[in-house]
Amino acid sequence: MPYNKVLVANFLLLFAAAIWGFGFVAQRLGMNYLEPYAFNAIRFFIGALSLLPLVYWAKRQGKLSQTRPLFLLKASLPVGILLFAGASLQQVGMLYTSAAKAGFITGLYIILVPIFGLCLRHKVTLNIWLGCVIALVGLYLLSVGSDFSVNFGDFLVFIGAFFWAAHLWTIDYYAKQMTPVLLAMSQFLVCGLLSAAVAFFIETPTVSAAIQAWQPLLYAGVVSVGIAYTLQIIGQQHAHPAHAAIILSLETVFAALGGVWLLGEYLDQRALYGCALMLLGMLVSQVQLRWFFKTKRVGAK
């Protein structure tokens, strides 16, 4: 594959990671006006609408005719419900924790995905176990206080990471059987409907509040979903899967940068060490140790 194409693909994935990382800032700012479920409902509806151009393009390419309506419904429900669970835990958790910490803890799904593969009898390599141990030590430093107390928001976001991992496995299963962009839009609609139902039941959403939150809503809906999703699709066509996973894991770094820079959040030395270890664990989990040692031996000759 031409080097220029790979370089462009990696840059597009890095741009997508930056968009998603700064999306945590938009989620925090949005809750200055809207409650968690109302914010999620509107942003996922906007996200679904933002994918209409991609769906139209897929239709022009004749790719939508392969998807049966009944199968689309069958696929959208489990995927959308898992997305709703992960997004809800993350959004509510951010009422009690910072965008920086939420970004790093959510990033644990990168390690949880292959571990979940054990249930499907997939092989889990040594680098994944090692990365998991390193990341858990980092999570302890980031989220567990000196008195062994755990922030409620950190706990919710951590539980949400399990749902994000399950969501990716479910997406992987159904996306092979239908047009991915159609599945993406339908899952956003399911998540938006569930979020709206909960919002009207336990919250007090208003049109004026939604209008006040228009900037974070547009970013979270159009930029984080529509633009970043498109960049990911284009980038992963030419990027190596392992490289793509490593680049996308940098979302956590951009979340921390956005929280500190735009929200004035503060991470003490203990939290910074925790973030560094979590990022290291995520990176180690994506690098094959056999490849690393083989490269070292070749370089030593």
C-alpha atoms as a PDB file:
ATOM      1  CA  MET A   1       0.000   0.000   0.000  1.00  0.00           C
ATOM      2  CA  PRO A   2       1.437   3.462  -0.900  1.00  0.00           C
ATOM      3  CA  TYR A   3       3.078   5.201   2.043  1.00  0.00           C
ATOM      4  CA  ASN A   4       1.211   8.472   1.378  1.00  0.00           C
ATOM      5  CA  LYS A   5      -2.169   6.755   1.700  1.00  0.00           C
ATOM      6  CA  VAL A   6      -1.169   5.192   5.024  1.00  0.00           C
ATOM      7  CA  LEU A   7       0.122   8.538   6.295  1.00  0.00           C
ATOM      8  CA  VAL A   8      -3.097  10.329   5.329  1.00  0.00           C
ATOM      9  CA  ALA A   9      -5.185   7.536   6.892  1.00  0.00           C
ATOM     10  CA  ASN A  10      -3.270   7.777  10.175  1.00  0.00           C
ATOM     11  CA  PHE A  11      -3.706  11.551  10.201  1.00  0.00           C
ATOM     12  CA  LEU A  12      -7.473  11.212   9.660  1.00  0.00           C
ATOM     13  CA  LEU A  13      -7.691   8.742  12.559  1.00  0.00           C
ATOM     14  CA  LEU A  14      -5.681  11.115  14.753  1.00  0.00           C
ATOM     15  CA  PHE A  15      -8.077  13.930  13.833  1.00  0.00           C
ATOM     16  CA  ALA A  16     -11.026  11.691  14.753  1.00  0.00           C
ATOM     17  CA  ALA A  17      -9.389  10.875  18.115  1.00  0.00           C
ATOM     18  CA  ALA A  18      -8.922  14.598  18.794  1.00  0.00           C
ATOM     19  CA  ILE A  19     -12.574  15.308  17.944  1.00  0.00           C
ATOM     20  CA  TRP A  20     -13.793  12.552  20.277  1.00  0.00           C
ATOM     21  CA  GLY A  21     -11.435  13.649  23.040  1.00  0.00           C
ATOM     22  CA  PHE A  22     -12.621  17.251  22.962  1.00  0.00           C
ATOM     23  CA  GLY A  23     -16.162  15.877  22.803  1.00  0.00           C
ATOM     24  CA  PHE A  24     -15.893  15.209  26.558  1.00  0.00           C
ATOM     25  CA  VAL A  25     -15.562  18.983  27.005  1.00  0.00           C
ATOM     26  CA  ALA A  26     -18.746  19.540  24.985  1.00  0.00           C
ATOM     27  CA  GLN A  27     -20.552  16.967  27.132  1.00  0.00           C
ATOM     28  CA  ARG A  28     -19.570  18.771  30.329  1.00  0.00           C
ATOM     29  CA  LEU A  29     -20.512  22.195  28.949  1.00  0.00           C
ATOM     30  CA  GLY A  30     -23.837  20.910  27.645  1.00  0.00           C
ATOM     31  CA  MET A  31     -24.902  19.940  31.151  1.00  0.00           C
ATOM     32  CA  ASN A  32     -24.681  23.578  32.211  1.00  0.00           C
ATOM     33  CA  TYR A  33     -28.041  23.873  30.457  1.00  0.00           C
ATOM     34  CA  LEU A  34     -29.479  20.376  30.030  1.00  0.00           C
ATOM     35  CA  GLU A  35     -29.699  17.351  32.289  1.00  0.00           C
ATOM     36  CA  PRO A  36     -27.781  14.206  31.217  1.00  0.00           C
ATOM     37  CA  TYR A  37     -30.512  12.204  29.476  1.00  0.00           C
ATOM     38  CA  ALA A  38     -31.968  15.221  27.697  1.00  0.00           C
ATOM     39  CA  PHE A  39     -28.518  16.167  26.416  1.00  0.00           C
ATOM     40  CA  ASN A  40     -27.904  12.621  25.167  1.00  0.00           C
ATOM     41  CA  ALA A  41     -31.317  12.423  23.516  1.00  0.00           C
ATOM     42  CA  ILE A  42     -30.798  15.589  21.487  1.00  0.00           C
ATOM     43  CA  ARG A  43     -27.183  14.906  20.561  1.00  0.00           C
ATOM     44  CA  PHE A  44     -27.901  11.392  19.309  1.00  0.00           C
ATOM     45  CA  PHE A  45     -30.873  12.611  17.271  1.00  0.00           C
ATOM     46  CA  ILE A  46     -28.593  15.265  15.749  1.00  0.00           C
ATOM     47  CA  GLY A  47     -25.948  12.585  15.201  1.00  0.00           C
ATOM     48  CA  ALA A  48     -28.429  10.395  13.338  1.00  0.00           C
ATOM     49  CA  LEU A  49     -29.455  13.318  11.102  1.00  0.00           C
ATOM     50  CA  SER A  50     -25.811  14.157  10.406  1.00  0.00           C
ATOM     51  CA  LEU A  51     -25.329  10.698   8.873  1.00  0.00           C
ATOM     52  CA  LEU A  52     -28.107  11.185   6.305  1.00  0.00           C
ATOM     53  CA  PRO A  53     -25.613  12.317   3.595  1.00  0.00           C
ATOM     54  CA  LEU A  54     -23.619   9.099   4.109  1.00  0.00           C
ATOM     55  CA  VAL A  55     -26.790   7.012   3.980  1.00  0.00           C
ATOM     56  CA  TYR A  56     -27.811   8.803   0.768  1.00  0.00           C
ATOM     57  CA  TRP A  57     -24.366   8.107  -0.710  1.00  0.00           C
ATOM     58  CA  ALA A  58     -24.639   4.422   0.267  1.00  0.00           C
ATOM     59  CA  LYS A  59     -28.059   4.284  -1.386  1.00  0.00           C
ATOM     60  CA  ARG A  60     -26.633   5.778  -4.591  1.00  0.00           C
ATOM     61  CA  GLN A  61     -23.980   3.055  -4.493  1.00  0.00           C
ATOM     62  CA  GLY A  62     -26.701   0.415  -4.218  1.00  0.00           C
ATOM     63  CA  LYS A  63     -25.516  -0.804  -0.814  1.00  0.00           C
ATOM     64  CA  LEU A  64     -28.740  -0.294   1.148  1.00  0.00           C
ATOM     65  CA  SER A  65     -30.785  -2.777  -0.868  1.00  0.00           C
ATOM     66  CA  GLN A  66     -28.839  -5.594   0.800  1.00  0.00           C
ATOM     67  CA  THR A  67     -30.273  -4.759   4.238  1.00  0.00           C
ATOM     68  CA  ARG A  68     -33.721  -6.142   5.095  1.00  0.00           C
ATOM     69  CA  PRO A  69     -35.885  -3.852   7.326  1.00  0.00           C
ATOM     70  CA  LEU A  70     -36.626  -6.643   9.814  1.00  0.00           C
ATOM     71  CA  PHE A  71     -32.932  -7.486  10.175  1.00  0.00           C
ATOM     72  CA  LEU A  72     -32.123  -3.792  10.597  1.00  0.00           C
ATOM     73  CA  LEU A  73     -34.562  -3.634  13.515  1.00  0.00           C
ATOM     74  CA  LYS A  74     -33.143  -6.846  14.988  1.00  0.00           C
ATOM     75  CA  ALA A  75     -29.620  -5.419  14.840  1.00  0.00           C
ATOM     76  CA  SER A  76     -30.452  -1.864  15.916  1.00  0.00           C
ATOM     77  CA  LEU A  77     -32.126  -2.799  19.198  1.00  0.00           C
ATOM     78  CA  PRO A  78     -29.224  -4.577  20.989  1.00  0.00           C
ATOM     79  CA  VAL A  79     -26.634  -2.191  19.564  1.00  0.00           C
ATOM     80  CA  GLY A  80     -28.716   0.863  20.461  1.00  0.00           C
ATOM     81  CA  ILE A  81     -29.490  -0.408  23.968  1.00  0.00           C
ATOM     82  CA  LEU A  82     -25.792  -1.017  24.693  1.00  0.00           C
ATOM     83  CA  LEU A  83     -24.962   2.428  23.321  1.00  0.00           C
ATOM     84  CA  PHE A  84     -27.664   3.924  25.547  1.00  0.00           C
ATOM     85  CA  ALA A  85     -26.243   2.164  28.631  1.00  0.00           C
ATOM     86  CA  GLY A  86     -22.657   3.239  27.954  1.00  0.00           C
ATOM     87  CA  ALA A  87     -23.553   6.809  27.017  1.00  0.00           C
ATOM     88  CA  SER A  88     -25.911   7.208  29.995  1.00  0.00           C
ATOM     89  CA  LEU A  89     -23.365   5.986  32.551  1.00  0.00           C
ATOM     90  CA  GLN A  90     -20.721   8.220  31.007  1.00  0.00           C
ATOM     91  CA  GLN A  91     -22.931  11.315  30.874  1.00  0.00           C
ATOM     92  CA  VAL A  92     -24.329  10.929  34.395  1.00  0.00           C
ATOM     93  CA  GLY A  93     -20.853  10.093  35.695  1.00  0.00           C
ATOM     94  CA  MET A  94     -19.547  13.370  34.307  1.00  0.00           C
ATOM     95  CA  LEU A  95     -21.778  15.215  36.765  1.00  0.00           C
ATOM     96  CA  TYR A  96     -19.393  14.002  39.468  1.00  0.00           C
ATOM     97  CA  THR A  97     -16.022  13.704  37.724  1.00  0.00           C
ATOM     98  CA  SER A  98     -13.893  15.686  35.298  1.00  0.00           C
ATOM     99  CA  ALA A  99     -13.757  15.393  31.523  1.00  0.00           C
ATOM    100  CA  ALA A 100     -10.077  14.435  31.764  1.00  0.00           C
ATOM    101  CA  LYS A 101     -10.697  11.525  34.133  1.00  0.00           C
ATOM    102  CA  ALA A 102     -13.806  10.402  32.246  1.00  0.00           C
ATOM    103  CA  GLY A 103     -11.825  10.268  29.014  1.00  0.00           C
ATOM    104  CA  PHE A 104      -9.091   8.061  30.434  1.00  0.00           C
ATOM    105  CA  ILE A 105     -11.459   5.710  32.260  1.00  0.00           C
ATOM    106  CA  THR A 106     -13.691   5.326  29.200  1.00  0.00           C
ATOM    107  CA  GLY A 107     -10.576   4.446  27.193  1.00  0.00           C
ATOM    108  CA  LEU A 108     -10.308   1.203  29.150  1.00  0.00           C
ATOM    109  CA  TYR A 109     -12.752  -0.323  26.664  1.00  0.00           C
ATOM    110  CA  ILE A 110      -9.750  -0.771  24.329  1.00  0.00           C
ATOM    111  CA  ILE A 111      -8.401  -3.380  26.753  1.00  0.00           C
ATOM    112  CA  LEU A 112     -11.795  -4.818  27.691  1.00  0.00           C
ATOM    113  CA  VAL A 113     -12.729  -5.606  24.069  1.00  0.00           C
ATOM    114  CA  PRO A 114     -10.146  -8.407  23.612  1.00  0.00           C
ATOM    115  CA  ILE A 115     -10.763  -9.672  27.147  1.00  0.00           C
ATOM    116  CA  PHE A 116     -14.462  -9.967  26.325  1.00  0.00           C
ATOM    117  CA  GLY A 117     -13.290 -12.079  23.410  1.00  0.00           C
ATOM    118  CA  LEU A 118     -12.499 -14.838  25.893  1.00  0.00           C
ATOM    119  CA  CYS A 119     -16.238 -15.501  26.077  1.00  0.00           C
ATOM    120  CA  LEU A 120     -16.125 -16.180  22.328  1.00  0.00           C
ATOM    121  CA  ARG A 121     -13.017 -18.358  22.735  1.00  0.00           C
ATOM    122  CA  HIS A 122     -10.732 -15.769  21.178  1.00  0.00           C
ATOM    123  CA  LYS A 123      -7.073 -15.910  22.144  1.00  0.00           C
ATOM    124  CA  VAL A 124      -5.889 -13.197  24.553  1.00  0.00           C
ATOM    125  CA  THR A 125      -2.164 -12.568  24.158  1.00  0.00           C
ATOM    126  CA  LEU A 126       0.411 -11.690  26.796  1.00  0.00           C
ATOM    127  CA  ASN A 127       0.596  -8.036  25.769  1.00  0.00           C
ATOM    128  CA  ILE A 128      -3.138  -7.621  26.467  1.00  0.00           C
ATOM    129  CA  TRP A 129      -2.833  -9.072  29.985  1.00  0.00           C
ATOM    130  CA  LEU A 130       0.238  -6.917  30.643  1.00  0.00           C
ATOM    131  CA  GLY A 131      -1.505  -3.811  29.330  1.00  0.00           C
ATOM    132  CA  CYS A 132      -4.531  -4.597  31.504  1.00  0.00           C
ATOM    133  CA  VAL A 133      -2.420  -4.828  34.672  1.00  0.00           C
ATOM    134  CA  ILE A 134      -0.626  -1.543  33.883  1.00  0.00           C
ATOM    135  CA  ALA A 135      -3.922   0.217  33.109  1.00  0.00           C
ATOM    136  CA  LEU A 136      -5.556  -1.060  36.314  1.00  0.00           C
ATOM    137  CA  VAL A 137      -2.659   0.299  38.380  1.00  0.00           C
ATOM    138  CA  GLY A 138      -3.145   3.616  36.582  1.00  0.00           C
ATOM    139  CA  LEU A 139      -6.889   3.511  37.240  1.00  0.00           C
ATOM    140  CA  TYR A 140      -6.202   2.961  40.941  1.00  0.00           C
ATOM    141  CA  LEU A 141      -3.925   6.017  41.091  1.00  0.00           C
ATOM    142  CA  LEU A 142      -6.392   8.107  39.088  1.00  0.00           C
ATOM    143  CA  SER A 143      -9.643   7.193  40.827  1.00  0.00           C
ATOM    144  CA  VAL A 144      -8.939   5.744  44.284  1.00  0.00           C
ATOM    145  CA  GLY A 145      -8.112   8.312  46.948  1.00  0.00           C
ATOM    146  CA  SER A 146      -5.462   7.983  49.634  1.00  0.00           C
ATOM    147  CA  ASP A 147      -8.251   6.961  52.028  1.00  0.00           C
ATOM    148  CA  PHE A 148      -9.362   4.248  49.545  1.00  0.00           C
ATOM    149  CA  SER A 149     -12.487   6.204  48.620  1.00  0.00           C
ATOM    150  CA  VAL A 150     -13.793   5.972  45.045  1.00  0.00           C
ATOM    151  CA  ASN A 151     -15.392   8.905  43.256  1.00  0.00           C
ATOM    152  CA  PHE A 152     -19.001   8.033  42.338  1.00  0.00           C
ATOM    153  CA  GLY A 153     -18.603   9.548  38.876  1.00  0.00           C
ATOM    154  CA  ASP A 154     -15.418   7.563  38.205  1.00  0.00           C
ATOM    155  CA  PHE A 155     -17.261   4.392  39.214  1.00  0.00           C
ATOM    156  CA  LEU A 156     -20.146   5.078  36.813  1.00  0.00           C
ATOM    157  CA  VAL A 157     -17.786   5.826  33.922  1.00  0.00           C
ATOM    158  CA  PHE A 158     -15.805   2.662  34.716  1.00  0.00           C
ATOM    159  CA  ILE A 159     -18.958   0.510  34.571  1.00  0.00           C
ATOM    160  CA  GLY A 160     -19.821   2.286  31.338  1.00  0.00           C
ATOM    161  CA  ALA A 161     -16.516   1.118  29.799  1.00  0.00           C
ATOM    162  CA  PHE A 162     -17.809  -2.476  30.004  1.00  0.00           C
ATOM    163  CA  PHE A 163     -20.877  -1.480  27.999  1.00  0.00           C
ATOM    164  CA  TRP A 164     -18.692   0.305  25.421  1.00  0.00           C
ATOM    165  CA  ALA A 165     -16.671  -2.892  25.016  1.00  0.00           C
ATOM    166  CA  ALA A 166     -19.829  -5.008  24.626  1.00  0.00           C
ATOM    167  CA  HIS A 167     -21.158  -2.412  22.189  1.00  0.00           C
ATOM    168  CA  LEU A 168     -18.078  -2.737  19.973  1.00  0.00           C
ATOM    169  CA  TRP A 169     -18.385  -6.532  19.908  1.00  0.00           C
ATOM    170  CA  THR A 170     -22.049  -6.257  18.930  1.00  0.00           C
ATOM    171  CA  ILE A 171     -21.252  -3.683  16.246  1.00  0.00           C
ATOM    172  CA  ASP A 172     -18.524  -5.970  14.900  1.00  0.00           C
ATOM    173  CA  TYR A 173     -21.016  -8.834  14.623  1.00  0.00           C
ATOM    174  CA  TYR A 174     -23.817  -6.961  12.863  1.00  0.00           C
ATOM    175  CA  ALA A 175     -21.706  -4.591  10.729  1.00  0.00           C
ATOM    176  CA  LYS A 176     -20.427  -7.565   8.730  1.00  0.00           C
ATOM    177  CA  GLN A 177     -23.981  -8.388   7.691  1.00  0.00           C
ATOM    178  CA  MET A 178     -25.258  -4.946   6.665  1.00  0.00           C
ATOM    179  CA  THR A 179     -24.227  -1.441   5.624  1.00  0.00           C
ATOM    180  CA  PRO A 180     -22.280  -0.001   8.615  1.00  0.00           C
ATOM    181  CA  VAL A 181     -23.504   3.586   8.209  1.00  0.00           C
ATOM    182  CA  LEU A 182     -27.140   2.422   8.244  1.00  0.00           C
ATOM    183  CA  LEU A 183     -26.509   0.463  11.432  1.00  0.00           C
ATOM    184  CA  ALA A 184     -24.798   3.512  12.949  1.00  0.00           C
ATOM    185  CA  MET A 185     -27.714   5.837  12.192  1.00  0.00           C
ATOM    186  CA  SER A 186     -30.313   3.359  13.460  1.00  0.00           C
ATOM    187  CA  GLN A 187     -28.438   2.769  16.730  1.00  0.00           C
ATOM    188  CA  PHE A 188     -28.283   6.531  17.305  1.00  0.00           C
ATOM    189  CA  LEU A 189     -32.048   6.715  16.820  1.00  0.00           C
ATOM    190  CA  VAL A 190     -32.641   3.883  19.320  1.00  0.00           C
ATOM    191  CA  CYS A 191     -30.303   5.518  21.841  1.00  0.00           C
ATOM    192  CA  GLY A 192     -31.940   8.904  21.306  1.00  0.00           C
ATOM    193  CA  LEU A 193     -35.440   7.488  21.813  1.00  0.00           C
ATOM    194  CA  LEU A 194     -34.464   5.673  25.027  1.00  0.00           C
ATOM    195  CA  SER A 195     -32.679   8.767  26.344  1.00  0.00           C
ATOM    196  CA  ALA A 196     -35.709  10.945  25.522  1.00  0.00           C
ATOM    197  CA  ALA A 197     -38.057   8.521  27.306  1.00  0.00           C
ATOM    198  CA  VAL A 198     -35.942   8.627  30.487  1.00  0.00           C
ATOM    199  CA  ALA A 199     -35.507  12.410  30.203  1.00  0.00           C
ATOM    200  CA  PHE A 200     -39.250  13.067  30.073  1.00  0.00           C
ATOM    201  CA  PHE A 201     -39.791  10.639  32.957  1.00  0.00           C
ATOM    202  CA  ILE A 202     -37.170  11.849  35.487  1.00  0.00           C
ATOM    203  CA  GLU A 203     -35.960  15.199  34.137  1.00  0.00           C
ATOM    204  CA  THR A 204     -37.500  18.521  33.116  1.00  0.00           C
ATOM    205  CA  PRO A 205     -36.155  19.283  29.612  1.00  0.00           C
ATOM    206  CA  THR A 206     -37.182  22.564  27.990  1.00  0.00           C
ATOM    207  CA  VAL A 207     -36.814  24.027  24.522  1.00  0.00           C
ATOM    208  CA  SER A 208     -35.117  27.142  25.912  1.00  0.00           C
ATOM    209  CA  ALA A 209     -32.462  25.013  27.634  1.00  0.00           C
ATOM    210  CA  ALA A 210     -31.797  23.127  24.401  1.00  0.00           C
ATOM    211  CA  ILE A 211     -31.410  26.421  22.526  1.00  0.00           C
ATOM    212  CA  GLN A 212     -28.932  27.676  25.127  1.00  0.00           C
ATOM    213  CA  ALA A 213     -26.919  24.468  24.728  1.00  0.00           C
ATOM    214  CA  TRP A 214     -26.821  24.676  20.932  1.00  0.00           C
ATOM    215  CA  GLN A 215     -23.016  24.929  20.666  1.00  0.00           C
ATOM    216  CA  PRO A 216     -22.067  21.818  22.699  1.00  0.00           C
ATOM    217  CA  LEU A 217     -25.014  19.960  21.157  1.00  0.00           C
ATOM    218  CA  LEU A 218     -23.865  20.714  17.623  1.00  0.00           C
ATOM    219  CA  TYR A 219     -20.309  19.681  18.448  1.00  0.00           C
ATOM    220  CA  ALA A 220     -21.365  16.486  20.224  1.00  0.00           C
ATOM    221  CA  GLY A 221     -23.913  15.625  17.532  1.00  0.00           C
ATOM    222  CA  VAL A 222     -22.509  16.783  14.188  1.00  0.00           C
ATOM    223  CA  VAL A 223     -18.746  16.923  14.774  1.00  0.00           C
ATOM    224  CA  SER A 224     -18.257  14.005  17.196  1.00  0.00           C
ATOM    225  CA  VAL A 225     -20.712  11.727  15.396  1.00  0.00           C
ATOM    226  CA  GLY A 226     -21.065  12.794  11.767  1.00  0.00           C
ATOM    227  CA  ILE A 227     -17.577  14.097  10.956  1.00  0.00           C
ATOM    228  CA  ALA A 228     -15.477  11.863  13.239  1.00  0.00           C
ATOM    229  CA  TYR A 229     -17.412   8.739  12.219  1.00  0.00           C
ATOM    230  CA  THR A 230     -16.760   9.543   8.545  1.00  0.00           C
ATOM    231  CA  LEU A 231     -13.058  10.120   9.212  1.00  0.00           C
ATOM    232  CA  GLN A 232     -12.847   6.781  11.014  1.00  0.00           C
ATOM    233  CA  ILE A 233     -14.455   4.926   8.099  1.00  0.00           C
ATOM    234  CA  ILE A 234     -12.107   6.530   5.560  1.00  0.00           C
ATOM    235  CA  GLY A 235      -9.026   6.144   7.754  1.00  0.00           C
ATOM    236  CA  GLN A 236      -9.548   2.490   8.613  1.00  0.00           C
ATOM    237  CA  GLN A 237      -9.727   1.589   4.921  1.00  0.00           C
ATOM    238  CA  HIS A 238      -5.964   2.131   4.622  1.00  0.00           C
ATOM    239  CA  ALA A 239      -4.598   2.024   8.187  1.00  0.00           C
ATOM    240  CA  HIS A 240      -3.267  -1.113   9.857  1.00  0.00           C
ATOM    241  CA  PRO A 241      -5.809  -2.293  12.494  1.00  0.00           C
ATOM    242  CA  ALA A 242      -3.245  -2.255  15.323  1.00  0.00           C
ATOM    243  CA  HIS A 243      -2.042   1.213  14.346  1.00  0.00           C
ATOM    244  CA  ALA A 244      -5.636   2.429  14.117  1.00  0.00           C
ATOM    245  CA  ALA A 245      -6.411   1.182  17.638  1.00  0.00           C
ATOM    246  CA  ILE A 246      -3.312   2.884  19.060  1.00  0.00           C
ATOM    247  CA  ILE A 247      -4.082   6.187  17.336  1.00  0.00           C
ATOM    248  CA  LEU A 248      -7.738   6.153  18.397  1.00  0.00           C
ATOM    249  CA  SER A 249      -6.687   5.442  22.013  1.00  0.00           C
ATOM    250  CA  LEU A 250      -5.122   8.919  22.006  1.00  0.00           C
ATOM    251  CA  GLU A 251      -8.704  10.152  22.437  1.00  0.00           C
ATOM    252  CA  THR A 252      -7.963   9.927  26.168  1.00  0.00           C
ATOM    253  CA  VAL A 253      -5.040  12.346  25.883  1.00  0.00           C
ATOM    254  CA  PHE A 254      -7.130  14.892  23.983  1.00  0.00           C
ATOM    255  CA  ALA A 255      -9.881  14.561  26.605  1.00  0.00           C
ATOM    256  CA  ALA A 256      -7.349  15.450  29.312  1.00  0.00           C
ATOM    257  CA  LEU A 257      -5.938  18.348  27.281  1.00  0.00           C
ATOM    258  CA  GLY A 258      -9.426  19.685  26.629  1.00  0.00           C
ATOM    259  CA  GLY A 259     -10.440  19.402  30.272  1.00  0.00           C
ATOM    260  CA  VAL A 260      -7.360  21.231  31.534  1.00  0.00           C
ATOM    261  CA  TRP A 261      -7.212  23.818  28.752  1.00  0.00           C
ATOM    262  CA  LEU A 262     -10.900  24.659  28.174  1.00  0.00           C
ATOM    263  CA  LEU A 263     -12.530  23.772  31.493  1.00  0.00           C
ATOM    264  CA  GLY A 264      -9.714  24.697  33.862  1.00  0.00           C
ATOM    265  CA  GLU A 265      -9.677  21.204  35.391  1.00  0.00           C
ATOM    266  CA  TYR A 266      -6.771  20.211  37.607  1.00  0.00           C
ATOM    267  CA  LEU A 267      -4.987  16.864  37.829  1.00  0.00           C
ATOM    268  CA  ASP A 268      -2.624  16.416  40.760  1.00  0.00           C
ATOM    269  CA  GLN A 269       0.629  14.463  40.488  1.00  0.00           C
ATOM    270  CA  ARG A 270      -0.980  11.191  41.559  1.00  0.00           C
ATOM    271  CA  ALA A 271      -3.698  11.569  38.891  1.00  0.00           C
ATOM    272  CA  LEU A 272      -1.118  12.436  36.221  1.00  0.00           C
ATOM    273  CA  TYR A 273       0.844   9.269  37.034  1.00  0.00           C
ATOM    274  CA  GLY A 274      -2.413   7.338  36.809  1.00  0.00           C
ATOM    275  CA  CYS A 275      -3.230   8.838  33.399  1.00  0.00           C
ATOM    276  CA  ALA A 276       0.261   8.059  32.127  1.00  0.00           C
ATOM    277  CA  LEU A 277       0.022   4.425  33.257  1.00  0.00           C
ATOM    278  CA  MET A 278      -3.457   4.001  31.772  1.00  0.00           C
ATOM    279  CA  LEU A 279      -2.279   5.356  28.425  1.00  0.00           C
ATOM    280  CA  LEU A 280       0.792   3.095  28.574  1.00  0.00           C
ATOM    281  CA  GLY A 281      -1.416   0.105  29.336  1.00  0.00           C
ATOM    282  CA  MET A 282      -3.663   0.881  26.366  1.00  0.00           C
ATOM    283  CA  LEU A 283      -0.668   1.186  24.049  1.00  0.00           C
ATOM    284  CA  VAL A 284       1.004  -1.994  25.359  1.00  0.00           C
ATOM    285  CA  SER A 285      -2.235  -3.927  24.837  1.00  0.00           C
ATOM    286  CA  GLN A 286      -2.127  -3.046  21.126  1.00  0.00           C
ATOM    287  CA  VAL A 287       1.549  -3.913  20.464  1.00  0.00           C
ATOM    288  CA  GLN A 288       2.480  -7.535  19.856  1.00  0.00           C
ATOM    289  CA  LEU A 289       5.403  -8.379  22.141  1.00  0.00           C
ATOM    290  CA  ARG A 290       6.696 -10.996  19.706  1.00  0.00           C
ATOM    291  CA  TRP A 291       6.929  -8.283  17.028  1.00  0.00           C
ATOM    292  CA  PHE A 292       8.711  -5.966  19.481  1.00  0.00           C
ATOM    293  CA  PHE A 293      11.370  -8.499  20.499  1.00  0.00           C
ATOM    294  CA  LYS A 294      11.816  -9.629  16.891  1.00  0.00           C
ATOM    295  CA  THR A 295      12.430  -6.008  15.883  1.00  0.00           C
ATOM    296  CA  LYS A 296      14.960  -5.614  18.694  1.00  0.00           C
ATOM    297  CA  ARG A 297      16.847  -8.739  17.557  1.00  0.00           C
ATOM    298  CA  VAL A 298      16.887  -7.574  13.938  1.00  0.00           C
ATOM    299  CA  GLY A 299      18.139  -4.146  14.985  1.00  0.00           C
ATOM    300  CA  ALA A 300      20.918  -5.673  17.065  1.00  0.00           C
ATOM    301  CA  LYS A 301      22.462  -7.444  14.049  1.00  0.00           C
END
